[in-house]
Each structure stands twice: as structure tokens, then as C-alpha cells.
Amino acid sequence: MSPRTRSHRAIEAQNGQAILTGGIPNATGLPSLPDEIHLEIVSHMPAIPIPTVSSKIDIVGARERHVTLHALSQTCRSLRRVFLRYLWQRIEVYDGMKIKSGFLTNRSGGQRPGYNTNPVSNRKHVEELIRQLEIVTVRDPSLAQHVK
């Protein structure tokens, strides 16, 4: 006879009930901090100023900001509620941005980032822009309220 194991059905039922009644399932650590602290954390992440007229753009910092906000929003429901609005606050497409097929690059030579004349590279930029706009308009219209 196989050994008896404890069923987690009772624990899952309690967690499900807490979610339905509005209770926070993850009530310790980072998710339990007030929204003001989360806002303070986000304020220290570098972002590309809009409009950008400078050729000296911190693309690495902007990429790290996007990756960090994405990771935080995927951590748990409590953090998703907080950080998803900051992730979709801006629709950004820039050289050096990570996409499914690699990175967006500026192959036009000595021009400023963002002013690309290479049709193949421009197409990838446009496809990424359309992908992001499709997400906030078609797939999840609730995100559109966060875009500035």
C-alpha cells in the first residue's frame, strides 16, 4: 500500500476564498508594501525622456527598466496590479530594444538613434510599435488607460 499524503485541497480552498473576498493572498514581503513605496521604487528607474532630442540616450537603462517592470508584474497578482500600469505607461520602441527575433538595431551608420533610414530595420521598429499598440487596444483595452 502506498503511503498516505496530505491533500492541499483545504489550503487551496482557503486561498481561493481569500481571493474572492478581496483578501491579499501574498500578504508579506514586497507585495505587502503600500503603493507609495512601489511608486518610489519605480521613480528610481531611468526612463527615456519624451520627446527625446538628445543623441545621448541611456538605452541600457531604459531596457533594464522595461525588463524589471515586466518581471515585477509577472511575480504575483499583488505586484501585477501595481507594476503593470508603470510597464504600459509608455509605448517605447528604440534601437537596442529586445524583441522576439533578437534586438532592434540601427544599421543606418552614423545617424542618431531613432532616426533610421534602413527599410528592413525600420520595418522591425514599426512591427514592434504595432504589436504594442495591438496589446493595449485589442488584447487588453484596460491597459490603454495607463498609456500617456
N, C-alpha and C. Protein backbone atom coordinates (compact mmCIF):
# COMPACT_ATOMS: atom_id res chain seq x y z
N MET A 1 0.83 -1.17 0.00
CA MET A 1 0.00 0.00 0.00
C MET A 1 0.88 1.25 0.00
N SER A 2 0.51 2.26 -0.78
CA SER A 2 1.30 3.49 -0.84
C SER A 2 1.04 4.35 0.40
N PRO A 3 2.03 5.14 0.79
CA PRO A 3 1.84 5.98 1.99
C PRO A 3 0.79 7.06 1.74
N ARG A 4 0.13 7.46 2.81
CA ARG A 4 -0.90 8.49 2.71
C ARG A 4 -0.23 9.86 2.64
N THR A 5 -0.72 10.68 1.77
CA THR A 5 -0.19 12.05 1.65
C THR A 5 -1.28 13.04 2.01
N ARG A 6 -0.87 14.18 2.47
CA ARG A 6 -1.81 15.21 2.88
C ARG A 6 -2.31 15.94 1.64
N SER A 7 -3.57 16.14 1.56
CA SER A 7 -4.18 16.85 0.45
C SER A 7 -4.11 18.35 0.71
N HIS A 8 -3.80 19.08 -0.33
CA HIS A 8 -3.74 20.54 -0.21
C HIS A 8 -5.04 21.21 -0.63
N ARG A 9 -6.08 20.44 -0.75
CA ARG A 9 -7.37 20.99 -1.17
C ARG A 9 -7.89 22.02 -0.17
N ALA A 10 -7.72 21.77 1.10
CA ALA A 10 -8.22 22.70 2.11
C ALA A 10 -7.47 24.03 2.03
N ILE A 11 -6.15 23.96 1.82
CA ILE A 11 -5.35 25.18 1.71
C ILE A 11 -5.73 25.95 0.45
N GLU A 12 -5.90 25.23 -0.66
CA GLU A 12 -6.29 25.87 -1.91
C GLU A 12 -7.67 26.50 -1.79
N ALA A 13 -8.58 25.86 -1.09
CA ALA A 13 -9.91 26.43 -0.89
C ALA A 13 -9.84 27.70 -0.06
N GLN A 14 -8.99 27.73 0.96
CA GLN A 14 -8.83 28.94 1.77
C GLN A 14 -8.25 30.08 0.93
N ASN A 15 -7.25 29.78 0.13
CA ASN A 15 -6.66 30.81 -0.73
C ASN A 15 -7.68 31.33 -1.75
N GLY A 16 -8.44 30.42 -2.32
CA GLY A 16 -9.48 30.82 -3.28
C GLY A 16 -10.53 31.69 -2.62
N GLN A 17 -10.91 31.34 -1.40
CA GLN A 17 -11.90 32.14 -0.67
C GLN A 17 -11.33 33.53 -0.34
N ALA A 18 -10.06 33.60 0.02
CA ALA A 18 -9.43 34.89 0.33
C ALA A 18 -9.40 35.78 -0.90
N ILE A 19 -9.14 35.20 -2.06
CA ILE A 19 -9.12 35.98 -3.30
C ILE A 19 -10.52 36.50 -3.62
N LEU A 20 -11.53 35.64 -3.47
CA LEU A 20 -12.90 36.06 -3.76
C LEU A 20 -13.38 37.15 -2.83
N THR A 21 -12.97 37.13 -1.58
CA THR A 21 -13.41 38.14 -0.62
C THR A 21 -12.54 39.39 -0.66
N GLY A 22 -11.56 39.44 -1.53
CA GLY A 22 -10.73 40.63 -1.65
C GLY A 22 -9.49 40.58 -0.79
N GLY A 23 -9.26 39.49 -0.11
CA GLY A 23 -8.07 39.37 0.71
C GLY A 23 -6.84 39.23 -0.15
N ILE A 24 -5.70 39.66 0.34
CA ILE A 24 -4.46 39.57 -0.40
C ILE A 24 -3.81 38.23 -0.10
N PRO A 25 -3.65 37.36 -1.11
CA PRO A 25 -3.06 36.06 -0.84
C PRO A 25 -1.59 36.14 -0.46
N ASN A 26 -0.85 37.13 -0.96
CA ASN A 26 0.56 37.28 -0.63
C ASN A 26 0.69 38.52 0.25
N ALA A 27 0.55 38.36 1.56
CA ALA A 27 0.48 39.49 2.48
C ALA A 27 1.78 39.76 3.20
N THR A 28 2.91 39.25 2.71
CA THR A 28 4.18 39.53 3.34
C THR A 28 5.19 39.95 2.27
N GLY A 29 6.25 40.60 2.71
CA GLY A 29 7.33 40.99 1.80
C GLY A 29 6.96 42.16 0.91
N LEU A 30 7.55 42.20 -0.28
CA LEU A 30 7.37 43.30 -1.22
C LEU A 30 5.91 43.54 -1.61
N PRO A 31 5.09 42.53 -1.85
CA PRO A 31 3.70 42.79 -2.22
C PRO A 31 2.88 43.48 -1.13
N SER A 32 3.30 43.35 0.11
CA SER A 32 2.51 43.94 1.19
C SER A 32 2.82 45.41 1.43
N LEU A 33 3.85 45.95 0.77
CA LEU A 33 4.19 47.36 0.94
C LEU A 33 3.11 48.24 0.34
N PRO A 34 2.93 49.45 0.87
CA PRO A 34 1.93 50.36 0.29
C PRO A 34 2.34 50.81 -1.11
N ASP A 35 1.34 51.23 -1.89
CA ASP A 35 1.60 51.66 -3.27
C ASP A 35 2.59 52.81 -3.35
N GLU A 36 2.65 53.67 -2.33
CA GLU A 36 3.58 54.79 -2.33
C GLU A 36 5.03 54.31 -2.37
N ILE A 37 5.31 53.22 -1.68
CA ILE A 37 6.67 52.66 -1.69
C ILE A 37 6.99 52.08 -3.06
N HIS A 38 6.01 51.41 -3.67
CA HIS A 38 6.22 50.89 -5.02
C HIS A 38 6.47 52.03 -6.00
N LEU A 39 5.74 53.12 -5.86
CA LEU A 39 5.93 54.29 -6.72
C LEU A 39 7.33 54.87 -6.53
N GLU A 40 7.80 54.89 -5.30
CA GLU A 40 9.16 55.37 -5.03
C GLU A 40 10.19 54.47 -5.69
N ILE A 41 9.98 53.18 -5.67
CA ILE A 41 10.89 52.24 -6.33
C ILE A 41 10.93 52.51 -7.83
N VAL A 42 9.77 52.67 -8.45
CA VAL A 42 9.69 52.92 -9.88
C VAL A 42 10.33 54.26 -10.25
N SER A 43 10.22 55.25 -9.39
CA SER A 43 10.77 56.58 -9.69
C SER A 43 12.30 56.57 -9.81
N HIS A 44 12.95 55.57 -9.26
CA HIS A 44 14.41 55.49 -9.34
C HIS A 44 14.89 54.70 -10.55
N MET A 45 13.97 54.22 -11.37
CA MET A 45 14.34 53.51 -12.59
C MET A 45 14.45 54.52 -13.73
N PRO A 46 15.57 54.52 -14.46
CA PRO A 46 15.74 55.51 -15.53
C PRO A 46 14.78 55.26 -16.69
N ALA A 47 14.30 56.35 -17.28
CA ALA A 47 13.42 56.26 -18.44
C ALA A 47 13.90 57.25 -19.49
N ILE A 48 13.59 56.96 -20.74
CA ILE A 48 13.94 57.87 -21.83
C ILE A 48 12.97 59.03 -21.77
N PRO A 49 13.47 60.28 -21.73
CA PRO A 49 12.55 61.42 -21.71
C PRO A 49 11.82 61.55 -23.04
N ILE A 50 10.57 61.95 -22.97
CA ILE A 50 9.77 62.15 -24.17
C ILE A 50 9.34 63.60 -24.21
N PRO A 51 9.55 64.34 -25.30
CA PRO A 51 10.22 63.95 -26.53
C PRO A 51 11.73 63.92 -26.33
N THR A 52 12.40 63.08 -27.09
CA THR A 52 13.84 62.92 -27.00
C THR A 52 14.50 63.67 -28.14
N VAL A 53 15.32 64.65 -27.80
CA VAL A 53 16.05 65.39 -28.83
C VAL A 53 17.54 65.16 -28.70
N SER A 54 17.96 64.54 -27.64
CA SER A 54 19.37 64.28 -27.41
C SER A 54 19.79 62.98 -28.08
N SER A 55 21.02 62.97 -28.59
CA SER A 55 21.53 61.74 -29.19
C SER A 55 22.15 60.83 -28.13
N LYS A 56 22.29 61.34 -26.91
CA LYS A 56 22.85 60.54 -25.81
C LYS A 56 21.71 59.98 -24.97
N ILE A 57 21.25 58.81 -25.37
CA ILE A 57 20.13 58.15 -24.72
C ILE A 57 20.65 56.94 -23.96
N ASP A 58 20.20 56.77 -22.73
CA ASP A 58 20.60 55.61 -21.93
C ASP A 58 19.70 54.43 -22.28
N ILE A 59 20.02 53.78 -23.41
CA ILE A 59 19.20 52.66 -23.88
C ILE A 59 19.29 51.48 -22.92
N VAL A 60 20.46 51.26 -22.37
CA VAL A 60 20.63 50.14 -21.43
C VAL A 60 19.74 50.35 -20.21
N GLY A 61 19.71 51.57 -19.68
CA GLY A 61 18.87 51.87 -18.53
C GLY A 61 17.39 51.71 -18.85
N ALA A 62 16.99 52.16 -20.04
CA ALA A 62 15.59 52.02 -20.44
C ALA A 62 15.22 50.55 -20.62
N ARG A 63 16.13 49.77 -21.20
CA ARG A 63 15.88 48.34 -21.38
C ARG A 63 15.77 47.65 -20.02
N GLU A 64 16.67 48.00 -19.10
CA GLU A 64 16.63 47.40 -17.76
C GLU A 64 15.34 47.78 -17.03
N ARG A 65 14.87 49.01 -17.21
CA ARG A 65 13.62 49.45 -16.59
C ARG A 65 12.47 48.60 -17.10
N HIS A 66 12.40 48.41 -18.41
CA HIS A 66 11.32 47.64 -19.01
C HIS A 66 11.36 46.18 -18.53
N VAL A 67 12.54 45.58 -18.54
CA VAL A 67 12.69 44.19 -18.12
C VAL A 67 12.33 44.04 -16.64
N THR A 68 12.77 44.98 -15.82
CA THR A 68 12.48 44.92 -14.38
C THR A 68 10.98 45.06 -14.11
N LEU A 69 10.34 46.04 -14.75
CA LEU A 69 8.90 46.21 -14.55
C LEU A 69 8.12 44.99 -15.04
N HIS A 70 8.56 44.41 -16.15
CA HIS A 70 7.90 43.20 -16.65
C HIS A 70 8.06 42.06 -15.65
N ALA A 71 9.26 41.88 -15.13
CA ALA A 71 9.50 40.80 -14.17
C ALA A 71 8.69 41.02 -12.89
N LEU A 72 8.64 42.25 -12.39
CA LEU A 72 7.87 42.53 -11.18
C LEU A 72 6.37 42.31 -11.42
N SER A 73 5.89 42.67 -12.60
CA SER A 73 4.46 42.49 -12.86
C SER A 73 4.09 41.02 -13.04
N GLN A 74 5.06 40.17 -13.32
CA GLN A 74 4.81 38.74 -13.50
C GLN A 74 5.03 37.94 -12.22
N THR A 75 5.45 38.60 -11.14
CA THR A 75 5.80 37.90 -9.91
C THR A 75 4.58 37.34 -9.19
N CYS A 76 3.57 38.18 -8.95
CA CYS A 76 2.36 37.73 -8.27
C CYS A 76 1.23 38.70 -8.60
N ARG A 77 0.00 38.34 -8.22
CA ARG A 77 -1.15 39.18 -8.53
C ARG A 77 -1.05 40.55 -7.86
N SER A 78 -0.56 40.58 -6.64
CA SER A 78 -0.46 41.84 -5.92
C SER A 78 0.49 42.80 -6.62
N LEU A 79 1.64 42.30 -7.06
CA LEU A 79 2.60 43.15 -7.74
C LEU A 79 2.15 43.46 -9.17
N ARG A 80 1.45 42.54 -9.80
CA ARG A 80 0.94 42.80 -11.15
C ARG A 80 0.01 44.00 -11.14
N ARG A 81 -0.86 44.07 -10.14
CA ARG A 81 -1.80 45.18 -10.01
C ARG A 81 -1.06 46.51 -9.93
N VAL A 82 0.08 46.52 -9.27
CA VAL A 82 0.83 47.76 -9.06
C VAL A 82 1.72 48.10 -10.24
N PHE A 83 2.53 47.15 -10.71
CA PHE A 83 3.58 47.46 -11.67
C PHE A 83 3.14 47.40 -13.13
N LEU A 84 2.03 46.76 -13.44
CA LEU A 84 1.58 46.69 -14.82
C LEU A 84 1.26 48.08 -15.37
N ARG A 85 0.72 48.96 -14.54
CA ARG A 85 0.40 50.32 -15.00
C ARG A 85 1.67 51.09 -15.37
N TYR A 86 2.78 50.85 -14.67
CA TYR A 86 4.03 51.54 -15.00
C TYR A 86 4.70 50.91 -16.22
N LEU A 87 4.52 49.62 -16.40
CA LEU A 87 5.07 48.95 -17.58
C LEU A 87 4.42 49.48 -18.85
N TRP A 88 3.12 49.73 -18.82
CA TRP A 88 2.41 50.20 -20.01
C TRP A 88 2.16 51.70 -19.99
N GLN A 89 2.87 52.42 -19.13
CA GLN A 89 2.72 53.88 -19.08
C GLN A 89 3.24 54.52 -20.36
N ARG A 90 4.18 53.86 -20.99
CA ARG A 90 4.80 54.40 -22.20
C ARG A 90 4.86 53.31 -23.27
N ILE A 91 4.57 53.70 -24.50
CA ILE A 91 4.78 52.81 -25.65
C ILE A 91 6.15 53.21 -26.18
N GLU A 92 7.13 52.32 -26.01
CA GLU A 92 8.51 52.63 -26.39
C GLU A 92 9.03 51.65 -27.42
N VAL A 93 9.61 52.21 -28.47
CA VAL A 93 10.32 51.42 -29.47
C VAL A 93 11.61 52.16 -29.75
N TYR A 94 12.74 51.53 -29.50
CA TYR A 94 14.02 52.20 -29.65
C TYR A 94 15.08 51.20 -30.07
N ASP A 95 16.15 51.71 -30.62
CA ASP A 95 17.27 50.86 -31.01
C ASP A 95 17.84 50.18 -29.78
N GLY A 96 18.13 48.91 -29.90
CA GLY A 96 18.67 48.15 -28.79
C GLY A 96 17.60 47.45 -27.97
N MET A 97 16.33 47.65 -28.33
CA MET A 97 15.23 47.03 -27.60
C MET A 97 15.16 45.54 -27.93
N LYS A 98 14.92 44.72 -26.92
CA LYS A 98 14.82 43.26 -27.13
C LYS A 98 13.42 42.93 -27.63
N ILE A 99 13.38 42.19 -28.74
CA ILE A 99 12.13 41.69 -29.29
C ILE A 99 12.27 40.19 -29.47
N LYS A 100 11.22 39.52 -29.96
CA LYS A 100 11.25 38.07 -30.09
C LYS A 100 12.40 37.58 -30.97
N SER A 101 12.67 38.31 -32.06
CA SER A 101 13.68 37.84 -33.01
C SER A 101 15.07 38.40 -32.71
N GLY A 102 15.29 38.96 -31.54
CA GLY A 102 16.61 39.49 -31.18
C GLY A 102 16.50 40.89 -30.62
N PHE A 103 17.28 41.81 -31.20
CA PHE A 103 17.29 43.20 -30.76
C PHE A 103 17.04 44.11 -31.95
N LEU A 104 16.34 45.23 -31.70
CA LEU A 104 16.19 46.24 -32.74
C LEU A 104 17.52 46.97 -32.86
N THR A 105 18.01 47.12 -34.07
CA THR A 105 19.30 47.78 -34.27
C THR A 105 19.19 48.88 -35.30
N ASN A 106 20.07 49.85 -35.17
CA ASN A 106 20.16 50.95 -36.12
C ASN A 106 21.32 50.63 -37.04
N ARG A 107 21.03 50.23 -38.27
CA ARG A 107 22.07 49.87 -39.22
C ARG A 107 22.32 50.97 -40.23
N SER A 108 21.90 52.18 -39.92
CA SER A 108 22.00 53.25 -40.90
C SER A 108 23.31 54.02 -40.83
N GLY A 109 24.21 53.62 -39.95
CA GLY A 109 25.50 54.30 -39.89
C GLY A 109 25.56 55.28 -38.75
N GLY A 110 25.96 56.52 -39.06
CA GLY A 110 26.23 57.50 -38.03
C GLY A 110 25.05 58.33 -37.59
N GLN A 111 23.85 57.96 -37.96
CA GLN A 111 22.71 58.76 -37.57
C GLN A 111 22.37 58.57 -36.10
N ARG A 112 21.59 59.50 -35.59
CA ARG A 112 21.15 59.40 -34.21
C ARG A 112 20.23 58.20 -34.03
N PRO A 113 20.24 57.59 -32.83
CA PRO A 113 19.30 56.51 -32.57
C PRO A 113 17.87 57.01 -32.73
N GLY A 114 17.05 56.22 -33.36
CA GLY A 114 15.66 56.60 -33.57
C GLY A 114 15.42 57.22 -34.93
N TYR A 115 16.48 57.64 -35.63
CA TYR A 115 16.35 58.23 -36.95
C TYR A 115 16.99 57.29 -37.96
N ASN A 116 16.31 56.22 -38.22
CA ASN A 116 16.85 55.13 -39.02
C ASN A 116 16.26 55.20 -40.42
N THR A 117 17.10 55.04 -41.44
CA THR A 117 16.60 55.06 -42.81
C THR A 117 16.66 53.70 -43.47
N ASN A 118 17.13 52.68 -42.80
CA ASN A 118 17.21 51.34 -43.34
C ASN A 118 15.80 50.74 -43.36
N PRO A 119 15.26 50.43 -44.56
CA PRO A 119 13.87 49.94 -44.63
C PRO A 119 13.63 48.65 -43.86
N VAL A 120 14.59 47.71 -43.85
CA VAL A 120 14.41 46.45 -43.14
C VAL A 120 14.35 46.71 -41.64
N SER A 121 15.27 47.52 -41.15
CA SER A 121 15.30 47.83 -39.73
C SER A 121 14.09 48.68 -39.33
N ASN A 122 13.71 49.62 -40.19
CA ASN A 122 12.51 50.42 -39.92
C ASN A 122 11.28 49.54 -39.82
N ARG A 123 11.21 48.52 -40.65
CA ARG A 123 10.06 47.61 -40.63
C ARG A 123 9.96 46.91 -39.29
N LYS A 124 11.09 46.48 -38.74
CA LYS A 124 11.07 45.83 -37.43
C LYS A 124 10.61 46.80 -36.34
N HIS A 125 11.04 48.06 -36.43
CA HIS A 125 10.59 49.06 -35.47
C HIS A 125 9.08 49.25 -35.56
N VAL A 126 8.57 49.34 -36.78
CA VAL A 126 7.13 49.54 -36.99
C VAL A 126 6.34 48.33 -36.52
N GLU A 127 6.84 47.13 -36.79
CA GLU A 127 6.16 45.92 -36.33
C GLU A 127 6.08 45.87 -34.81
N GLU A 128 7.15 46.27 -34.13
CA GLU A 128 7.15 46.29 -32.66
C GLU A 128 6.16 47.33 -32.14
N LEU A 129 6.12 48.49 -32.78
CA LEU A 129 5.17 49.53 -32.39
C LEU A 129 3.73 49.04 -32.57
N ILE A 130 3.45 48.41 -33.69
CA ILE A 130 2.11 47.87 -33.95
C ILE A 130 1.76 46.79 -32.95
N ARG A 131 2.72 45.93 -32.61
CA ARG A 131 2.49 44.87 -31.62
C ARG A 131 2.08 45.46 -30.27
N GLN A 132 2.82 46.48 -29.84
CA GLN A 132 2.50 47.10 -28.55
C GLN A 132 1.14 47.80 -28.58
N LEU A 133 0.85 48.49 -29.68
CA LEU A 133 -0.44 49.17 -29.79
C LEU A 133 -1.60 48.17 -29.85
N GLU A 134 -1.37 47.03 -30.49
CA GLU A 134 -2.40 45.98 -30.53
C GLU A 134 -2.69 45.45 -29.13
N ILE A 135 -1.67 45.32 -28.32
CA ILE A 135 -1.85 44.82 -26.96
C ILE A 135 -2.75 45.75 -26.16
N VAL A 136 -2.50 47.06 -26.24
CA VAL A 136 -3.27 48.00 -25.42
C VAL A 136 -4.62 48.35 -26.01
N THR A 137 -4.87 48.03 -27.28
CA THR A 137 -6.17 48.36 -27.86
C THR A 137 -7.06 47.14 -28.09
N VAL A 138 -6.47 46.01 -28.51
CA VAL A 138 -7.27 44.84 -28.86
C VAL A 138 -7.22 43.78 -27.78
N ARG A 139 -6.03 43.36 -27.40
CA ARG A 139 -5.90 42.23 -26.46
C ARG A 139 -6.32 42.59 -25.05
N ASP A 140 -5.90 43.75 -24.56
CA ASP A 140 -6.25 44.15 -23.19
C ASP A 140 -6.51 45.66 -23.16
N PRO A 141 -7.71 46.10 -23.54
CA PRO A 141 -8.02 47.53 -23.59
C PRO A 141 -7.92 48.24 -22.23
N SER A 142 -7.95 47.49 -21.13
CA SER A 142 -7.82 48.13 -19.82
C SER A 142 -6.43 48.76 -19.63
N LEU A 143 -5.45 48.31 -20.41
CA LEU A 143 -4.10 48.89 -20.33
C LEU A 143 -4.04 50.28 -20.95
N ALA A 144 -4.95 50.58 -21.86
CA ALA A 144 -4.93 51.87 -22.58
C ALA A 144 -5.06 53.04 -21.63
N GLN A 145 -5.72 52.87 -20.52
CA GLN A 145 -5.87 53.98 -19.58
C GLN A 145 -4.56 54.39 -18.92
N HIS A 146 -3.56 53.53 -18.96
CA HIS A 146 -2.27 53.82 -18.34
C HIS A 146 -1.31 54.50 -19.30
N VAL A 147 -1.54 54.38 -20.61
CA VAL A 147 -0.62 54.96 -21.60
C VAL A 147 -0.76 56.46 -21.59
N LYS A 148 0.41 57.13 -21.54
CA LYS A 148 0.40 58.61 -21.54
C LYS A 148 0.87 59.13 -22.87
